[in-house]
Amino acid sequence: MHVHACQTGDMRTTVEIPDHQRAKLMEIAARRGLIGFSLIVQEAIEQYLEQTVSKNERVQAALSVLGTMDTAEADEIEESVRELRGRWR
């Protein structure tokens, strides 16, 4: 099914979604008193974009400390992980 979404008049585009997703969106929109579900789709896209940016920032932060641990610290953590994994069984 083709669905037209509009973001406050800035741009209109076609997005394909399965019928069951459209039905759920219409149900949510009706509960909110909305005529269509464009606002819900916009909110979902905004949330996805925020999470993606946040995830990328966390990955970059983690990568920035790559290599900052000396060998003794790394060995200590590795041994700690081995011990923990040994207790999981």
N, C-alpha and C. Protein backbone atom coordinates (compact mmCIF):
# COMPACT_ATOMS: atom_id res chain seq x y z
N MET A 1 0.84 -1.17 0.00
CA MET A 1 0.00 0.00 0.00
C MET A 1 0.89 1.23 0.00
N HIS A 2 0.52 2.21 -0.78
CA HIS A 2 1.23 3.49 -0.80
C HIS A 2 0.56 4.44 0.17
N VAL A 3 1.37 5.12 0.95
CA VAL A 3 0.85 6.09 1.90
C VAL A 3 1.57 7.39 1.68
N HIS A 4 0.85 8.49 1.64
CA HIS A 4 1.46 9.79 1.48
C HIS A 4 1.63 10.42 2.84
N ALA A 5 2.85 10.87 3.14
CA ALA A 5 3.13 11.52 4.42
C ALA A 5 3.56 12.94 4.14
N CYS A 6 3.19 13.86 5.00
CA CYS A 6 3.53 15.26 4.81
C CYS A 6 4.09 15.82 6.11
N GLN A 7 5.18 16.56 6.01
CA GLN A 7 5.79 17.16 7.20
C GLN A 7 5.54 18.66 7.18
N THR A 8 4.55 19.10 7.89
CA THR A 8 4.15 20.51 8.00
C THR A 8 4.27 21.26 6.68
N GLY A 9 3.86 20.64 5.59
CA GLY A 9 3.85 21.31 4.31
C GLY A 9 5.19 21.43 3.62
N ASP A 10 6.27 21.03 4.27
CA ASP A 10 7.60 21.18 3.68
C ASP A 10 7.81 20.22 2.51
N MET A 11 7.43 18.97 2.68
CA MET A 11 7.69 17.98 1.65
C MET A 11 6.66 16.88 1.73
N ARG A 12 6.30 16.40 0.61
CA ARG A 12 5.36 15.29 0.54
C ARG A 12 6.07 14.15 -0.16
N THR A 13 5.94 12.95 0.41
CA THR A 13 6.62 11.81 -0.18
C THR A 13 5.75 10.57 -0.05
N THR A 14 6.07 9.55 -0.81
CA THR A 14 5.34 8.30 -0.75
C THR A 14 6.17 7.28 -0.01
N VAL A 15 5.55 6.63 0.95
CA VAL A 15 6.21 5.58 1.73
C VAL A 15 5.33 4.34 1.63
N GLU A 16 5.94 3.21 1.36
CA GLU A 16 5.18 1.97 1.28
C GLU A 16 5.22 1.26 2.63
N ILE A 17 4.05 0.93 3.15
CA ILE A 17 3.95 0.19 4.40
C ILE A 17 2.91 -0.91 4.21
N PRO A 18 3.07 -2.00 4.94
CA PRO A 18 2.07 -3.08 4.84
C PRO A 18 0.72 -2.63 5.40
N ASP A 19 -0.32 -3.27 4.93
CA ASP A 19 -1.68 -2.93 5.37
C ASP A 19 -1.84 -3.02 6.88
N HIS A 20 -1.23 -4.04 7.52
CA HIS A 20 -1.42 -4.19 8.97
C HIS A 20 -0.78 -3.02 9.73
N GLN A 21 0.33 -2.47 9.22
CA GLN A 21 0.94 -1.31 9.88
C GLN A 21 0.06 -0.08 9.69
N ARG A 22 -0.48 0.08 8.50
CA ARG A 22 -1.38 1.21 8.25
C ARG A 22 -2.59 1.14 9.17
N ALA A 23 -3.14 -0.05 9.34
CA ALA A 23 -4.30 -0.22 10.21
C ALA A 23 -3.96 0.17 11.65
N LYS A 24 -2.79 -0.26 12.13
CA LYS A 24 -2.38 0.08 13.49
C LYS A 24 -2.18 1.58 13.64
N LEU A 25 -1.56 2.20 12.62
CA LEU A 25 -1.36 3.66 12.66
C LEU A 25 -2.69 4.40 12.69
N MET A 26 -3.63 3.94 11.89
CA MET A 26 -4.96 4.58 11.86
C MET A 26 -5.65 4.42 13.22
N GLU A 27 -5.48 3.27 13.84
CA GLU A 27 -6.07 3.02 15.15
C GLU A 27 -5.47 3.96 16.20
N ILE A 28 -4.15 4.11 16.19
CA ILE A 28 -3.48 5.02 17.13
C ILE A 28 -3.93 6.46 16.88
N ALA A 29 -3.99 6.83 15.60
CA ALA A 29 -4.42 8.19 15.25
C ALA A 29 -5.84 8.45 15.75
N ALA A 30 -6.72 7.49 15.57
CA ALA A 30 -8.11 7.66 16.00
C ALA A 30 -8.19 7.84 17.52
N ARG A 31 -7.38 7.05 18.26
CA ARG A 31 -7.37 7.19 19.72
C ARG A 31 -6.89 8.57 20.14
N ARG A 32 -6.00 9.16 19.34
CA ARG A 32 -5.49 10.50 19.64
C ARG A 32 -6.41 11.60 19.11
N GLY A 33 -7.41 11.21 18.38
CA GLY A 33 -8.32 12.20 17.81
C GLY A 33 -7.78 12.84 16.54
N LEU A 34 -6.86 12.17 15.88
CA LEU A 34 -6.28 12.68 14.64
C LEU A 34 -7.02 12.11 13.44
N ILE A 35 -7.03 12.86 12.37
CA ILE A 35 -7.69 12.39 11.15
C ILE A 35 -6.78 11.41 10.40
N GLY A 36 -5.51 11.75 10.26
CA GLY A 36 -4.54 10.88 9.60
C GLY A 36 -3.43 10.53 10.56
N PHE A 37 -2.42 9.85 10.03
CA PHE A 37 -1.34 9.42 10.92
C PHE A 37 0.01 10.04 10.57
N SER A 38 0.02 11.12 9.79
CA SER A 38 1.28 11.77 9.43
C SER A 38 2.08 12.21 10.66
N LEU A 39 1.39 12.79 11.65
CA LEU A 39 2.08 13.25 12.86
C LEU A 39 2.76 12.08 13.58
N ILE A 40 2.08 10.94 13.62
CA ILE A 40 2.64 9.76 14.28
C ILE A 40 3.88 9.28 13.53
N VAL A 41 3.83 9.28 12.22
CA VAL A 41 4.98 8.86 11.41
C VAL A 41 6.14 9.84 11.62
N GLN A 42 5.84 11.14 11.66
CA GLN A 42 6.88 12.14 11.90
C GLN A 42 7.54 11.91 13.25
N GLU A 43 6.73 11.66 14.28
CA GLU A 43 7.27 11.40 15.62
C GLU A 43 8.16 10.16 15.61
N ALA A 44 7.74 9.12 14.92
CA ALA A 44 8.52 7.89 14.86
C ALA A 44 9.84 8.11 14.14
N ILE A 45 9.81 8.87 13.06
CA ILE A 45 11.04 9.17 12.32
C ILE A 45 11.98 10.00 13.18
N GLU A 46 11.44 10.99 13.87
CA GLU A 46 12.26 11.83 14.73
C GLU A 46 12.92 11.00 15.83
N GLN A 47 12.15 10.11 16.45
CA GLN A 47 12.69 9.25 17.49
C GLN A 47 13.79 8.35 16.92
N TYR A 48 13.57 7.78 15.76
CA TYR A 48 14.57 6.92 15.13
C TYR A 48 15.85 7.70 14.84
N LEU A 49 15.71 8.90 14.30
CA LEU A 49 16.88 9.71 13.99
C LEU A 49 17.66 10.08 15.25
N GLU A 50 16.94 10.43 16.31
CA GLU A 50 17.61 10.76 17.58
C GLU A 50 18.35 9.56 18.13
N GLN A 51 17.73 8.40 18.08
CA GLN A 51 18.38 7.18 18.58
C GLN A 51 19.61 6.82 17.74
N THR A 52 19.51 7.01 16.43
CA THR A 52 20.62 6.69 15.55
C THR A 52 21.79 7.62 15.82
N VAL A 53 21.51 8.91 15.96
CA VAL A 53 22.58 9.88 16.26
C VAL A 53 23.19 9.55 17.61
N SER A 54 22.35 9.25 18.60
CA SER A 54 22.83 8.92 19.93
C SER A 54 23.70 7.67 19.89
N LYS A 55 23.25 6.66 19.15
CA LYS A 55 24.04 5.42 19.03
C LYS A 55 25.38 5.71 18.38
N ASN A 56 25.37 6.48 17.30
CA ASN A 56 26.62 6.82 16.62
C ASN A 56 27.57 7.58 17.55
N GLU A 57 27.02 8.48 18.36
CA GLU A 57 27.85 9.23 19.31
C GLU A 57 28.45 8.30 20.35
N ARG A 58 27.65 7.33 20.83
CA ARG A 58 28.17 6.37 21.81
C ARG A 58 29.26 5.50 21.21
N VAL A 59 29.06 5.08 19.96
CA VAL A 59 30.07 4.27 19.28
C VAL A 59 31.35 5.07 19.12
N GLN A 60 31.23 6.32 18.70
CA GLN A 60 32.41 7.17 18.53
C GLN A 60 33.12 7.39 19.87
N ALA A 61 32.37 7.58 20.93
CA ALA A 61 32.97 7.77 22.25
C ALA A 61 33.71 6.50 22.67
N ALA A 62 33.11 5.35 22.41
CA ALA A 62 33.77 4.09 22.76
C ALA A 62 35.03 3.89 21.93
N LEU A 63 34.94 4.22 20.64
CA LEU A 63 36.12 4.05 19.77
C LEU A 63 37.23 5.03 20.14
N SER A 64 36.86 6.17 20.71
CA SER A 64 37.88 7.17 21.05
C SER A 64 38.79 6.71 22.17
N VAL A 65 38.31 5.77 22.99
CA VAL A 65 39.16 5.27 24.07
C VAL A 65 39.89 3.99 23.67
N LEU A 66 39.67 3.54 22.45
CA LEU A 66 40.33 2.34 21.96
C LEU A 66 41.84 2.49 22.07
N GLY A 67 42.46 1.53 22.70
CA GLY A 67 43.91 1.54 22.83
C GLY A 67 44.43 2.34 24.00
N THR A 68 43.57 2.85 24.86
CA THR A 68 44.04 3.65 25.99
C THR A 68 44.33 2.81 27.22
N MET A 69 44.06 1.52 27.14
CA MET A 69 44.29 0.63 28.26
C MET A 69 45.65 -0.04 28.08
N ASP A 70 46.42 -0.13 29.15
CA ASP A 70 47.71 -0.82 29.01
C ASP A 70 47.49 -2.33 29.09
N THR A 71 48.51 -3.09 28.78
CA THR A 71 48.39 -4.54 28.69
C THR A 71 47.97 -5.17 30.01
N ALA A 72 48.49 -4.69 31.12
CA ALA A 72 48.13 -5.25 32.43
C ALA A 72 46.64 -5.05 32.72
N GLU A 73 46.11 -3.85 32.41
CA GLU A 73 44.69 -3.59 32.63
C GLU A 73 43.84 -4.49 31.74
N ALA A 74 44.25 -4.64 30.50
CA ALA A 74 43.52 -5.48 29.55
C ALA A 74 43.51 -6.93 30.03
N ASP A 75 44.66 -7.41 30.50
CA ASP A 75 44.74 -8.79 30.99
C ASP A 75 43.86 -8.99 32.21
N GLU A 76 43.83 -8.00 33.09
CA GLU A 76 43.00 -8.07 34.29
C GLU A 76 41.51 -8.16 33.93
N ILE A 77 41.09 -7.35 33.00
CA ILE A 77 39.68 -7.36 32.58
C ILE A 77 39.36 -8.67 31.88
N GLU A 78 40.25 -9.13 31.04
CA GLU A 78 40.02 -10.38 30.33
C GLU A 78 39.87 -11.54 31.32
N GLU A 79 40.71 -11.58 32.35
CA GLU A 79 40.62 -12.62 33.39
C GLU A 79 39.31 -12.51 34.14
N SER A 80 38.89 -11.31 34.42
CA SER A 80 37.62 -11.06 35.11
C SER A 80 36.45 -11.58 34.27
N VAL A 81 36.49 -11.34 33.00
CA VAL A 81 35.43 -11.81 32.09
C VAL A 81 35.42 -13.34 32.06
N ARG A 82 36.60 -13.94 32.00
CA ARG A 82 36.68 -15.42 32.00
C ARG A 82 36.03 -15.98 33.27
N GLU A 83 36.33 -15.38 34.41
CA GLU A 83 35.77 -15.84 35.68
C GLU A 83 34.25 -15.72 35.68
N LEU A 84 33.75 -14.58 35.22
CA LEU A 84 32.30 -14.38 35.17
C LEU A 84 31.63 -15.39 34.25
N ARG A 85 32.22 -15.61 33.09
CA ARG A 85 31.65 -16.57 32.15
C ARG A 85 31.68 -17.98 32.71
N GLY A 86 32.70 -18.29 33.49
CA GLY A 86 32.79 -19.60 34.12
C GLY A 86 31.68 -19.84 35.12
N ARG A 87 31.18 -18.80 35.75
CA ARG A 87 30.10 -18.91 36.73
C ARG A 87 28.72 -18.97 36.08
N TRP A 88 28.62 -18.60 34.80
CA TRP A 88 27.32 -18.61 34.12
C TRP A 88 26.80 -20.01 33.87
N ARG A 89 27.67 -20.96 33.82
CA ARG A 89 27.26 -22.33 33.44
C ARG A 89 26.62 -23.07 34.54
